């Protein structure tokens, strides 16, 4: 069974499906602490009740690019 990594992001209300570029502490935690790789499952949440499922598309330098599905109420 694969692990789904969870990460908090801002502004899922207006988000659309597609790629989302993460920088800062969230990207650092995913890339350096959790050591995610392309294809790893993720679930992002905004702390306001919205969530979106997705996968890691790329890990590059100081950022992580996620490929996300449409956000929904969690």
Protein backbone atom coordinates (compact mmCIF):
# COMPACT_ATOMS: atom_id res chain seq x y z
CA UNK A 1 0.00 0.00 0.00
CA UNK A 2 1.41 3.38 -1.03
CA UNK A 3 1.63 6.27 1.35
CA UNK A 4 -0.20 9.49 0.49
CA UNK A 5 1.75 12.57 1.54
CA UNK A 6 -0.35 15.49 2.82
CA UNK A 7 0.67 19.12 2.49
CA UNK A 8 -1.05 22.38 3.30
CA UNK A 9 -1.36 24.98 0.55
CA UNK A 10 -3.18 28.27 0.35
CA UNK A 11 -6.06 29.24 -1.88
CA UNK A 12 -7.63 25.99 -3.05
CA UNK A 13 -10.93 27.82 -3.50
CA UNK A 14 -9.91 29.25 -6.87
CA UNK A 15 -7.56 26.43 -7.88
CA UNK A 16 -8.09 24.50 -11.08
CA UNK A 17 -6.84 21.05 -12.04
CA UNK A 18 -3.29 21.02 -13.35
CA UNK A 19 0.21 21.70 -12.14
CA UNK A 20 0.93 23.70 -9.01
CA UNK A 21 4.42 24.90 -8.19
CA UNK A 22 5.28 24.78 -4.48
CA UNK A 23 8.12 26.79 -2.94
CA UNK A 24 9.16 27.52 0.60
CA UNK A 25 8.71 25.39 3.71
CA UNK A 26 6.08 23.09 2.18
CA UNK A 27 8.29 22.23 -0.78
CA UNK A 28 11.31 21.78 1.47
CA UNK A 29 9.38 19.38 3.72
CA UNK A 30 8.16 17.30 0.77
CA UNK A 31 11.51 17.21 -1.04
CA UNK A 32 14.05 17.04 1.76
CA UNK A 33 12.22 15.51 4.73
CA UNK A 34 9.70 13.17 3.09
CA UNK A 35 11.92 12.68 0.01
CA UNK A 36 9.03 12.49 -2.45
CA UNK A 37 9.70 11.38 -6.01
CA UNK A 38 7.79 11.89 -9.26
CA UNK A 39 4.67 9.73 -9.24
CA UNK A 40 4.24 9.78 -5.45
CA UNK A 41 0.66 10.40 -4.31
CA UNK A 42 -0.16 13.65 -2.52
CA UNK A 43 -3.23 15.24 -1.02
CA UNK A 44 -3.22 18.99 -0.55
CA UNK A 45 -5.50 20.84 1.85
CA UNK A 46 -6.07 24.50 2.60
CA UNK A 47 -7.11 24.35 6.25
CA UNK A 48 -10.54 25.67 5.29
CA UNK A 49 -12.14 22.40 4.29
CA UNK A 50 -10.96 22.05 0.67
CA UNK A 51 -8.75 19.17 -0.51
CA UNK A 52 -7.29 18.01 -3.82
CA UNK A 53 -5.64 14.72 -4.76
CA UNK A 54 -2.65 14.54 -7.04
CA UNK A 55 0.84 13.29 -7.70
CA UNK A 56 4.35 14.71 -7.62
CA UNK A 57 5.25 15.78 -11.16
CA UNK A 58 8.80 17.05 -10.51
CA UNK A 59 11.23 17.81 -7.71
CA UNK A 60 13.68 20.50 -8.79
CA UNK A 61 16.05 22.65 -6.80
CA UNK A 62 14.04 24.51 -4.19
CA UNK A 63 10.61 23.51 -5.46
CA UNK A 64 8.16 20.69 -6.02
CA UNK A 65 5.65 20.62 -8.86
CA UNK A 66 2.38 18.82 -8.14
CA UNK A 67 -0.18 17.64 -10.68
CA UNK A 68 -3.54 18.14 -8.98
CA UNK A 69 -7.11 17.09 -9.62
CA UNK A 70 -9.98 19.54 -9.08
CA UNK A 71 -10.35 20.60 -5.45
CA UNK A 72 -13.39 19.47 -3.49
CA UNK A 73 -14.90 19.93 -0.07
CA UNK A 74 -13.28 17.56 2.39
